């Protein structure tokens, strides 16, 4: 997993917890969808999971993203739907 530390500016009266926190590396990709090109910013580990699912299912990542986009509930951001898709995929795989 790719992790980077986020620096916290020194502020009087605020305890610096930066040594206790890690932040995931964010990666942007542009994915062609039927009606637009979507620039998606997701954690590197989510992209890695999506790439792995694409290999296992023998489908391109773009096709998986199109399916998630078509099936997501109205008002749900595509990035959130993709995160849920990846999580659900691995949860279901674990229960088999």
PDB file of N, CA and C in Angstrom:
ATOM      1  N   UNK A   1       0.851  -1.170   0.000  1.00  0.00           N
ATOM      2  CA  UNK A   1       0.000   0.000   0.000  1.00  0.00           C
ATOM      3  C   UNK A   1       0.893   1.228   0.000  1.00  0.00           C
ATOM      4  N   UNK A   2       0.500   2.252  -0.747  1.00  0.00           N
ATOM      5  CA  UNK A   2       1.265   3.481  -0.845  1.00  0.00           C
ATOM      6  C   UNK A   2       0.745   4.480   0.178  1.00  0.00           C
ATOM      7  N   UNK A   3       1.623   4.954   1.045  1.00  0.00           N
ATOM      8  CA  UNK A   3       1.220   5.882   2.098  1.00  0.00           C
ATOM      9  C   UNK A   3       2.173   7.066   2.110  1.00  0.00           C
ATOM     10  N   UNK A   4       1.647   8.222   2.333  1.00  0.00           N
ATOM     11  CA  UNK A   4       2.480   9.410   2.530  1.00  0.00           C
ATOM     12  C   UNK A   4       1.996  10.107   3.783  1.00  0.00           C
ATOM     13  N   UNK A   5       2.891  10.772   4.465  1.00  0.00           N
ATOM     14  CA  UNK A   5       2.509  11.497   5.674  1.00  0.00           C
ATOM     15  C   UNK A   5       2.081  12.900   5.305  1.00  0.00           C
ATOM     16  N   UNK A   6       1.050  13.374   5.947  1.00  0.00           N
ATOM     17  CA  UNK A   6       0.547  14.722   5.718  1.00  0.00           C
ATOM     18  C   UNK A   6       1.079  15.615   6.829  1.00  0.00           C
ATOM     19  N   UNK A   7       1.742  16.674   6.450  1.00  0.00           N
ATOM     20  CA  UNK A   7       2.318  17.591   7.433  1.00  0.00           C
ATOM     21  C   UNK A   7       1.225  18.468   8.028  1.00  0.00           C
ATOM     22  N   UNK A   8       1.360  18.755   9.295  1.00  0.00           N
ATOM     23  CA  UNK A   8       0.427  19.641   9.990  1.00  0.00           C
ATOM     24  C   UNK A   8       1.209  20.870  10.414  1.00  0.00           C
ATOM     25  N   UNK A   9       0.713  22.051  10.039  1.00  0.00           N
ATOM     26  CA  UNK A   9       1.375  23.295  10.441  1.00  0.00           C
ATOM     27  C   UNK A   9       1.291  23.462  11.947  1.00  0.00           C
ATOM     28  N   UNK A  10       2.347  24.047  12.519  1.00  0.00           N
ATOM     29  CA  UNK A  10       2.360  24.301  13.961  1.00  0.00           C
ATOM     30  C   UNK A  10       1.347  25.397  14.279  1.00  0.00           C
ATOM     31  N   UNK A  11       0.460  25.089  15.210  1.00  0.00           N
ATOM     32  CA  UNK A  11      -0.555  26.054  15.627  1.00  0.00           C
ATOM     33  C   UNK A  11      -0.593  26.055  17.147  1.00  0.00           C
ATOM     34  N   UNK A  12      -0.527  27.229  17.768  1.00  0.00           N
ATOM     35  CA  UNK A  12      -0.571  27.288  19.236  1.00  0.00           C
ATOM     36  C   UNK A  12      -1.847  26.644  19.778  1.00  0.00           C
ATOM     37  N   UNK A  13      -1.689  25.834  20.814  1.00  0.00           N
ATOM     38  CA  UNK A  13      -2.839  25.204  21.446  1.00  0.00           C
ATOM     39  C   UNK A  13      -3.347  23.957  20.746  1.00  0.00           C
ATOM     40  N   UNK A  14      -2.754  23.598  19.615  1.00  0.00           N
ATOM     41  CA  UNK A  14      -3.171  22.409  18.874  1.00  0.00           C
ATOM     42  C   UNK A  14      -2.074  21.356  18.999  1.00  0.00           C
ATOM     43  N   UNK A  15      -2.455  20.153  19.363  1.00  0.00           N
ATOM     44  CA  UNK A  15      -1.489  19.061  19.478  1.00  0.00           C
ATOM     45  C   UNK A  15      -1.203  18.519  18.083  1.00  0.00           C
ATOM     46  N   UNK A  16       0.071  18.347  17.761  1.00  0.00           N
ATOM     47  CA  UNK A  16       0.480  17.820  16.457  1.00  0.00           C
ATOM     48  C   UNK A  16       0.371  16.295  16.466  1.00  0.00           C
ATOM     49  N   UNK A  17      -0.595  15.779  15.755  1.00  0.00           N
ATOM     50  CA  UNK A  17      -0.811  14.338  15.674  1.00  0.00           C
ATOM     51  C   UNK A  17      -0.296  13.752  14.360  1.00  0.00           C
ATOM     52  N   UNK A  18       0.451  14.529  13.592  1.00  0.00           N
ATOM     53  CA  UNK A  18       0.873  14.088  12.264  1.00  0.00           C
ATOM     54  C   UNK A  18       1.683  12.797  12.310  1.00  0.00           C
ATOM     55  N   UNK A  19       2.434  12.568  13.397  1.00  0.00           N
ATOM     56  CA  UNK A  19       3.215  11.339  13.493  1.00  0.00           C
ATOM     57  C   UNK A  19       2.312  10.112  13.642  1.00  0.00           C
ATOM     58  N   UNK A  20       1.080  10.314  14.060  1.00  0.00           N
ATOM     59  CA  UNK A  20       0.148   9.206  14.262  1.00  0.00           C
ATOM     60  C   UNK A  20      -0.741   8.951  13.049  1.00  0.00           C
ATOM     61  N   UNK A  21      -0.750   9.864  12.085  1.00  0.00           N
ATOM     62  CA  UNK A  21      -1.660   9.758  10.948  1.00  0.00           C
ATOM     63  C   UNK A  21      -0.893   9.501   9.661  1.00  0.00           C
ATOM     64  N   UNK A  22      -1.441   8.672   8.823  1.00  0.00           N
ATOM     65  CA  UNK A  22      -0.914   8.483   7.482  1.00  0.00           C
ATOM     66  C   UNK A  22      -2.054   8.721   6.500  1.00  0.00           C
ATOM     67  N   UNK A  23      -1.705   9.202   5.342  1.00  0.00           N
ATOM     68  CA  UNK A  23      -2.700   9.527   4.327  1.00  0.00           C
ATOM     69  C   UNK A  23      -2.379   8.747   3.063  1.00  0.00           C
ATOM     70  N   UNK A  24      -3.384   8.170   2.433  1.00  0.00           N
ATOM     71  CA  UNK A  24      -3.136   7.391   1.219  1.00  0.00           C
ATOM     72  C   UNK A  24      -2.743   8.281   0.044  1.00  0.00           C
ATOM     73  N   UNK A  25      -1.943   7.723  -0.833  1.00  0.00           N
ATOM     74  CA  UNK A  25      -1.572   8.415  -2.056  1.00  0.00           C
ATOM     75  C   UNK A  25      -2.768   8.397  -3.005  1.00  0.00           C
ATOM     76  N   UNK A  26      -3.101   9.564  -3.534  1.00  0.00           N
ATOM     77  CA  UNK A  26      -4.217   9.674  -4.469  1.00  0.00           C
ATOM     78  C   UNK A  26      -3.675   9.651  -5.899  1.00  0.00           C
ATOM     79  N   UNK A  27      -4.391   8.977  -6.775  1.00  0.00           N
ATOM     80  CA  UNK A  27      -4.004   8.847  -8.178  1.00  0.00           C
ATOM     81  C   UNK A  27      -5.206   9.222  -9.037  1.00  0.00           C
ATOM     82  N   UNK A  28      -4.963  10.001 -10.086  1.00  0.00           N
ATOM     83  CA  UNK A  28      -6.034  10.387 -11.012  1.00  0.00           C
ATOM     84  C   UNK A  28      -5.889   9.624 -12.320  1.00  0.00           C
ATOM     85  N   UNK A  29      -6.998   9.187 -12.845  1.00  0.00           N
ATOM     86  CA  UNK A  29      -7.055   8.563 -14.173  1.00  0.00           C
ATOM     87  C   UNK A  29      -8.279   9.119 -14.892  1.00  0.00           C
ATOM     88  N   UNK A  30      -8.178   9.206 -16.203  1.00  0.00           N
ATOM     89  CA  UNK A  30      -9.316   9.609 -17.021  1.00  0.00           C
ATOM     90  C   UNK A  30      -9.909   8.351 -17.642  1.00  0.00           C
ATOM     91  N   UNK A  31     -11.190   8.157 -17.407  1.00  0.00           N
ATOM     92  CA  UNK A  31     -11.897   6.962 -17.875  1.00  0.00           C
ATOM     93  C   UNK A  31     -12.977   7.392 -18.860  1.00  0.00           C
ATOM     94  N   UNK A  32     -12.966   6.834 -20.084  1.00  0.00           N
ATOM     95  CA  UNK A  32     -14.040   7.158 -21.028  1.00  0.00           C
ATOM     96  C   UNK A  32     -15.337   6.443 -20.639  1.00  0.00           C
ATOM     97  N   UNK A  33     -16.399   7.206 -20.540  1.00  0.00           N
ATOM     98  CA  UNK A  33     -17.735   6.681 -20.265  1.00  0.00           C
ATOM     99  C   UNK A  33     -18.598   6.952 -21.493  1.00  0.00           C
ATOM    100  N   UNK A  34     -19.759   6.327 -21.614  1.00  0.00           N
ATOM    101  CA  UNK A  34     -20.574   6.516 -22.816  1.00  0.00           C
ATOM    102  C   UNK A  34     -20.912   7.976 -23.128  1.00  0.00           C
ATOM    103  N   UNK A  35     -21.157   8.784 -22.102  1.00  0.00           N
ATOM    104  CA  UNK A  35     -21.590  10.161 -22.338  1.00  0.00           C
ATOM    105  C   UNK A  35     -20.545  11.220 -21.998  1.00  0.00           C
ATOM    106  N   UNK A  36     -19.383  10.788 -21.513  1.00  0.00           N
ATOM    107  CA  UNK A  36     -18.358  11.766 -21.115  1.00  0.00           C
ATOM    108  C   UNK A  36     -17.052  11.054 -20.795  1.00  0.00           C
ATOM    109  N   UNK A  37     -16.026  11.856 -20.582  1.00  0.00           N
ATOM    110  CA  UNK A  37     -14.759  11.345 -20.061  1.00  0.00           C
ATOM    111  C   UNK A  37     -14.683  11.799 -18.604  1.00  0.00           C
ATOM    112  N   UNK A  38     -14.537  10.859 -17.700  1.00  0.00           N
ATOM    113  CA  UNK A  38     -14.523  11.178 -16.271  1.00  0.00           C
ATOM    114  C   UNK A  38     -13.097  11.122 -15.744  1.00  0.00           C
ATOM    115  N   UNK A  39     -12.686  12.190 -15.081  1.00  0.00           N
ATOM    116  CA  UNK A  39     -11.384  12.200 -14.406  1.00  0.00           C
ATOM    117  C   UNK A  39     -11.646  11.785 -12.967  1.00  0.00           C
ATOM    118  N   UNK A  40     -11.146  10.610 -12.610  1.00  0.00           N
ATOM    119  CA  UNK A  40     -11.418  10.027 -11.303  1.00  0.00           C
ATOM    120  C   UNK A  40     -10.171  10.071 -10.436  1.00  0.00           C
ATOM    121  N   UNK A  41     -10.327  10.558  -9.229  1.00  0.00           N
ATOM    122  CA  UNK A  41      -9.224  10.636  -8.263  1.00  0.00           C
ATOM    123  C   UNK A  41      -9.542   9.668  -7.130  1.00  0.00           C
ATOM    124  N   UNK A  42      -8.777   8.581  -7.091  1.00  0.00           N
ATOM    125  CA  UNK A  42      -8.988   7.527  -6.098  1.00  0.00           C
ATOM    126  C   UNK A  42      -7.665   7.168  -5.428  1.00  0.00           C
ATOM    127  N   UNK A  43      -7.752   6.531  -4.290  1.00  0.00           N
ATOM    128  CA  UNK A  43      -6.565   6.051  -3.604  1.00  0.00           C
ATOM    129  C   UNK A  43      -5.863   5.012  -4.482  1.00  0.00           C
ATOM    130  N   UNK A  44      -4.526   5.005  -4.425  1.00  0.00           N
ATOM    131  CA  UNK A  44      -3.746   4.059  -5.228  1.00  0.00           C
ATOM    132  C   UNK A  44      -4.164   2.619  -4.942  1.00  0.00           C
ATOM    133  N   UNK A  45      -4.473   2.325  -3.690  1.00  0.00           N
ATOM    134  CA  UNK A  45      -4.881   0.966  -3.330  1.00  0.00           C
ATOM    135  C   UNK A  45      -6.224   0.601  -3.976  1.00  0.00           C
ATOM    136  N   UNK A  46      -7.112   1.559  -4.180  1.00  0.00           N
ATOM    137  CA  UNK A  46      -8.389   1.288  -4.853  1.00  0.00           C
ATOM    138  C   UNK A  46      -8.136   0.996  -6.328  1.00  0.00           C
ATOM    139  N   UNK A  47      -7.282   1.797  -6.976  1.00  0.00           N
ATOM    140  CA  UNK A  47      -6.934   1.525  -8.377  1.00  0.00           C
ATOM    141  C   UNK A  47      -6.284   0.149  -8.505  1.00  0.00           C
ATOM    142  N   UNK A  48      -5.418  -0.185  -7.567  1.00  0.00           N
ATOM    143  CA  UNK A  48      -4.762  -1.491  -7.586  1.00  0.00           C
ATOM    144  C   UNK A  48      -5.797  -2.611  -7.472  1.00  0.00           C
ATOM    145  N   UNK A  49      -6.760  -2.445  -6.581  1.00  0.00           N
ATOM    146  CA  UNK A  49      -7.831  -3.425  -6.442  1.00  0.00           C
ATOM    147  C   UNK A  49      -8.663  -3.540  -7.705  1.00  0.00           C
ATOM    148  N   UNK A  50      -8.962  -2.408  -8.321  1.00  0.00           N
ATOM    149  CA  UNK A  50      -9.746  -2.408  -9.560  1.00  0.00           C
ATOM    150  C   UNK A  50      -8.964  -3.074 -10.695  1.00  0.00           C
ATOM    151  N   UNK A  51      -7.662  -2.799 -10.779  1.00  0.00           N
ATOM    152  CA  UNK A  51      -6.812  -3.458 -11.784  1.00  0.00           C
ATOM    153  C   UNK A  51      -6.807  -4.971 -11.574  1.00  0.00           C
ATOM    154  N   UNK A  52      -6.729  -5.395 -10.316  1.00  0.00           N
ATOM    155  CA  UNK A  52      -6.728  -6.818  -9.980  1.00  0.00           C
ATOM    156  C   UNK A  52      -8.060  -7.472 -10.364  1.00  0.00           C
ATOM    157  N   UNK A  53      -9.160  -6.801 -10.063  1.00  0.00           N
ATOM    158  CA  UNK A  53     -10.484  -7.317 -10.430  1.00  0.00           C
ATOM    159  C   UNK A  53     -10.591  -7.444 -11.949  1.00  0.00           C
ATOM    160  N   UNK A  54     -10.117  -6.438 -12.665  1.00  0.00           N
ATOM    161  CA  UNK A  54     -10.167  -6.468 -14.131  1.00  0.00           C
ATOM    162  C   UNK A  54      -9.404  -7.680 -14.677  1.00  0.00           C
ATOM    163  N   UNK A  55      -8.234  -7.959 -14.102  1.00  0.00           N
ATOM    164  CA  UNK A  55      -7.462  -9.133 -14.538  1.00  0.00           C
ATOM    165  C   UNK A  55      -8.233 -10.421 -14.249  1.00  0.00           C
ATOM    166  N   UNK A  56      -8.762 -10.533 -13.038  1.00  0.00           N
ATOM    167  CA  UNK A  56      -9.484 -11.753 -12.650  1.00  0.00           C
ATOM    168  C   UNK A  56     -10.734 -11.970 -13.495  1.00  0.00           C
ATOM    169  N   UNK A  57     -11.428 -10.896 -13.810  1.00  0.00           N
ATOM    170  CA  UNK A  57     -12.672 -10.980 -14.577  1.00  0.00           C
ATOM    171  C   UNK A  57     -12.437 -10.916 -16.087  1.00  0.00           C
ATOM    172  N   UNK A  58     -11.186 -10.684 -16.471  1.00  0.00           N
ATOM    173  CA  UNK A  58     -10.803 -10.573 -17.893  1.00  0.00           C
ATOM    174  C   UNK A  58     -11.621  -9.512 -18.624  1.00  0.00           C
ATOM    175  N   UNK A  59     -11.678  -8.356 -17.961  1.00  0.00           N
ATOM    176  CA  UNK A  59     -12.398  -7.202 -18.516  1.00  0.00           C
ATOM    177  C   UNK A  59     -11.545  -5.962 -18.304  1.00  0.00           C
ATOM    178  N   UNK A  60     -11.606  -4.998 -19.200  1.00  0.00           N
ATOM    179  CA  UNK A  60     -10.852  -3.753 -19.007  1.00  0.00           C
ATOM    180  C   UNK A  60     -11.408  -2.939 -17.834  1.00  0.00           C
ATOM    181  N   UNK A  61     -10.533  -2.208 -17.174  1.00  0.00           N
ATOM    182  CA  UNK A  61     -10.939  -1.326 -16.073  1.00  0.00           C
ATOM    183  C   UNK A  61     -12.016  -0.359 -16.547  1.00  0.00           C
ATOM    184  N   UNK A  62     -11.866   0.168 -17.758  1.00  0.00           N
ATOM    185  CA  UNK A  62     -12.842   1.118 -18.286  1.00  0.00           C
ATOM    186  C   UNK A  62     -14.236   0.496 -18.351  1.00  0.00           C
ATOM    187  N   UNK A  63     -14.301  -0.766 -18.719  1.00  0.00           N
ATOM    188  CA  UNK A  63     -15.593  -1.453 -18.805  1.00  0.00           C
ATOM    189  C   UNK A  63     -16.208  -1.632 -17.411  1.00  0.00           C
ATOM    190  N   UNK A  64     -15.392  -1.983 -16.434  1.00  0.00           N
ATOM    191  CA  UNK A  64     -15.890  -2.106 -15.060  1.00  0.00           C
ATOM    192  C   UNK A  64     -16.433  -0.766 -14.574  1.00  0.00           C
ATOM    193  N   UNK A  65     -15.695   0.308 -14.859  1.00  0.00           N
ATOM    194  CA  UNK A  65     -16.131   1.647 -14.442  1.00  0.00           C
ATOM    195  C   UNK A  65     -17.434   2.042 -15.128  1.00  0.00           C
ATOM    196  N   UNK A  66     -17.592   1.680 -16.409  1.00  0.00           N
ATOM    197  CA  UNK A  66     -18.845   1.969 -17.120  1.00  0.00           C
ATOM    198  C   UNK A  66     -20.013   1.235 -16.464  1.00  0.00           C
ATOM    199  N   UNK A  67     -19.791  -0.023 -16.080  1.00  0.00           N
ATOM    200  CA  UNK A  67     -20.854  -0.793 -15.423  1.00  0.00           C
ATOM    201  C   UNK A  67     -21.232  -0.177 -14.079  1.00  0.00           C
ATOM    202  N   UNK A  68     -20.225   0.186 -13.290  1.00  0.00           N
ATOM    203  CA  UNK A  68     -20.489   0.807 -11.988  1.00  0.00           C
ATOM    204  C   UNK A  68     -21.236   2.117 -12.187  1.00  0.00           C
ATOM    205  N   UNK A  69     -20.820   2.902 -13.180  1.00  0.00           N
ATOM    206  CA  UNK A  69     -21.472   4.184 -13.465  1.00  0.00           C
ATOM    207  C   UNK A  69     -22.942   3.977 -13.823  1.00  0.00           C
ATOM    208  N   UNK A  70     -23.221   2.964 -14.631  1.00  0.00           N
ATOM    209  CA  UNK A  70     -24.595   2.712 -15.071  1.00  0.00           C
ATOM    210  C   UNK A  70     -25.490   2.210 -13.937  1.00  0.00           C
ATOM    211  N   UNK A  71     -24.915   1.517 -12.962  1.00  0.00           N
ATOM    212  CA  UNK A  71     -25.710   0.891 -11.904  1.00  0.00           C
ATOM    213  C   UNK A  71     -25.750   1.670 -10.595  1.00  0.00           C
ATOM    214  N   UNK A  72     -24.956   2.721 -10.485  1.00  0.00           N
ATOM    215  CA  UNK A  72     -24.897   3.439  -9.201  1.00  0.00           C
ATOM    216  C   UNK A  72     -26.187   4.215  -8.955  1.00  0.00           C
ATOM    217  N   UNK A  73     -26.559   4.343  -7.685  1.00  0.00           N
ATOM    218  CA  UNK A  73     -27.764   5.106  -7.346  1.00  0.00           C
ATOM    219  C   UNK A  73     -27.610   6.583  -7.709  1.00  0.00           C
ATOM    220  N   UNK A  74     -28.698   7.201  -8.061  1.00  0.00           N
ATOM    221  CA  UNK A  74     -28.696   8.627  -8.385  1.00  0.00           C
ATOM    222  C   UNK A  74     -28.157   9.420  -7.202  1.00  0.00           C
ATOM    223  N   UNK A  75     -27.280  10.357  -7.485  1.00  0.00           N
ATOM    224  CA  UNK A  75     -26.712  11.201  -6.438  1.00  0.00           C
ATOM    225  C   UNK A  75     -25.466  10.635  -5.786  1.00  0.00           C
ATOM    226  N   UNK A  76     -25.110   9.393  -6.108  1.00  0.00           N
ATOM    227  CA  UNK A  76     -23.901   8.789  -5.549  1.00  0.00           C
ATOM    228  C   UNK A  76     -22.719   9.127  -6.447  1.00  0.00           C
ATOM    229  N   UNK A  77     -21.667   9.722  -5.901  1.00  0.00           N
ATOM    230  CA  UNK A  77     -20.490  10.024  -6.722  1.00  0.00           C
ATOM    231  C   UNK A  77     -19.883   8.735  -7.291  1.00  0.00           C
ATOM    232  N   UNK A  78     -19.389   8.825  -8.518  1.00  0.00           N
ATOM    233  CA  UNK A  78     -18.807   7.649  -9.162  1.00  0.00           C
ATOM    234  C   UNK A  78     -17.632   7.110  -8.356  1.00  0.00           C
ATOM    235  N   UNK A  79     -16.810   7.983  -7.794  1.00  0.00           N
ATOM    236  CA  UNK A  79     -15.666   7.505  -7.009  1.00  0.00           C
ATOM    237  C   UNK A  79     -16.130   6.694  -5.793  1.00  0.00           C
ATOM    238  N   UNK A  80     -17.189   7.132  -5.142  1.00  0.00           N
ATOM    239  CA  UNK A  80     -17.726   6.378  -3.996  1.00  0.00           C
ATOM    240  C   UNK A  80     -18.270   5.029  -4.449  1.00  0.00           C
ATOM    241  N   UNK A  81     -18.947   5.017  -5.578  1.00  0.00           N
ATOM    242  CA  UNK A  81     -19.502   3.768  -6.101  1.00  0.00           C
ATOM    243  C   UNK A  81     -18.386   2.786  -6.458  1.00  0.00           C
ATOM    244  N   UNK A  82     -17.288   3.290  -7.005  1.00  0.00           N
ATOM    245  CA  UNK A  82     -16.157   2.416  -7.350  1.00  0.00           C
ATOM    246  C   UNK A  82     -15.520   1.858  -6.079  1.00  0.00           C
ATOM    247  N   UNK A  83     -15.327   2.700  -5.067  1.00  0.00           N
ATOM    248  CA  UNK A  83     -14.774   2.207  -3.792  1.00  0.00           C
ATOM    249  C   UNK A  83     -15.657   1.087  -3.228  1.00  0.00           C
ATOM    250  N   UNK A  84     -16.968   1.291  -3.251  1.00  0.00           N
ATOM    251  CA  UNK A  84     -17.893   0.273  -2.746  1.00  0.00           C
ATOM    252  C   UNK A  84     -17.844  -0.998  -3.582  1.00  0.00           C
ATOM    253  N   UNK A  85     -17.728  -0.845  -4.891  1.00  0.00           N
ATOM    254  CA  UNK A  85     -17.640  -2.000  -5.784  1.00  0.00           C
ATOM    255  C   UNK A  85     -16.417  -2.849  -5.438  1.00  0.00           C
ATOM    256  N   UNK A  86     -15.266  -2.196  -5.281  1.00  0.00           N
ATOM    257  CA  UNK A  86     -14.027  -2.919  -4.965  1.00  0.00           C
ATOM    258  C   UNK A  86     -14.157  -3.613  -3.606  1.00  0.00           C
ATOM    259  N   UNK A  87     -14.649  -2.898  -2.616  1.00  0.00           N
ATOM    260  CA  UNK A  87     -14.823  -3.480  -1.283  1.00  0.00           C
ATOM    261  C   UNK A  87     -15.785  -4.669  -1.322  1.00  0.00           C
ATOM    262  N   UNK A  88     -16.927  -4.502  -1.979  1.00  0.00           N
ATOM    263  CA  UNK A  88     -17.912  -5.588  -2.071  1.00  0.00           C
ATOM    264  C   UNK A  88     -17.353  -6.799  -2.813  1.00  0.00           C
ATOM    265  N   UNK A  89     -16.576  -6.550  -3.867  1.00  0.00           N
ATOM    266  CA  UNK A  89     -15.985  -7.645  -4.641  1.00  0.00           C
ATOM    267  C   UNK A  89     -15.125  -8.521  -3.735  1.00  0.00           C
ATOM    268  N   UNK A  90     -14.263  -7.884  -2.958  1.00  0.00           N
ATOM    269  CA  UNK A  90     -13.366  -8.652  -2.094  1.00  0.00           C
ATOM    270  C   UNK A  90     -14.097  -9.265  -0.903  1.00  0.00           C
ATOM    271  N   UNK A  91     -15.115  -8.621  -0.404  1.00  0.00           N
ATOM    272  CA  UNK A  91     -15.922  -9.218   0.678  1.00  0.00           C
ATOM    273  C   UNK A  91     -16.616 -10.484   0.183  1.00  0.00           C
ATOM    274  N   UNK A  92     -17.182 -10.425  -1.012  1.00  0.00           N
ATOM    275  CA  UNK A  92     -17.855 -11.598  -1.573  1.00  0.00           C
ATOM    276  C   UNK A  92     -16.857 -12.705  -1.871  1.00  0.00           C
ATOM    277  N   UNK A  93     -15.685 -12.337  -2.366  1.00  0.00           N
ATOM    278  CA  UNK A  93     -14.653 -13.334  -2.666  1.00  0.00           C
ATOM    279  C   UNK A  93     -14.198 -14.035  -1.389  1.00  0.00           C
ATOM    280  N   UNK A  94     -14.125 -13.287  -0.299  1.00  0.00           N
ATOM    281  CA  UNK A  94     -13.691 -13.851   0.981  1.00  0.00           C
ATOM    282  C   UNK A  94     -14.717 -14.824   1.546  1.00  0.00           C
ATOM    283  N   UNK A  95     -15.988 -14.576   1.290  1.00  0.00           N
ATOM    284  CA  UNK A  95     -17.040 -15.428   1.854  1.00  0.00           C
ATOM    285  C   UNK A  95     -17.270 -16.708   1.046  1.00  0.00           C
ATOM    286  N   UNK A  96     -16.639 -16.824  -0.110  1.00  0.00           N
ATOM    287  CA  UNK A  96     -16.802 -18.042  -0.933  1.00  0.00           C
ATOM    288  C   UNK A  96     -15.914 -19.149  -0.452  1.00  0.00           C
TER     289      UNK A  96
END
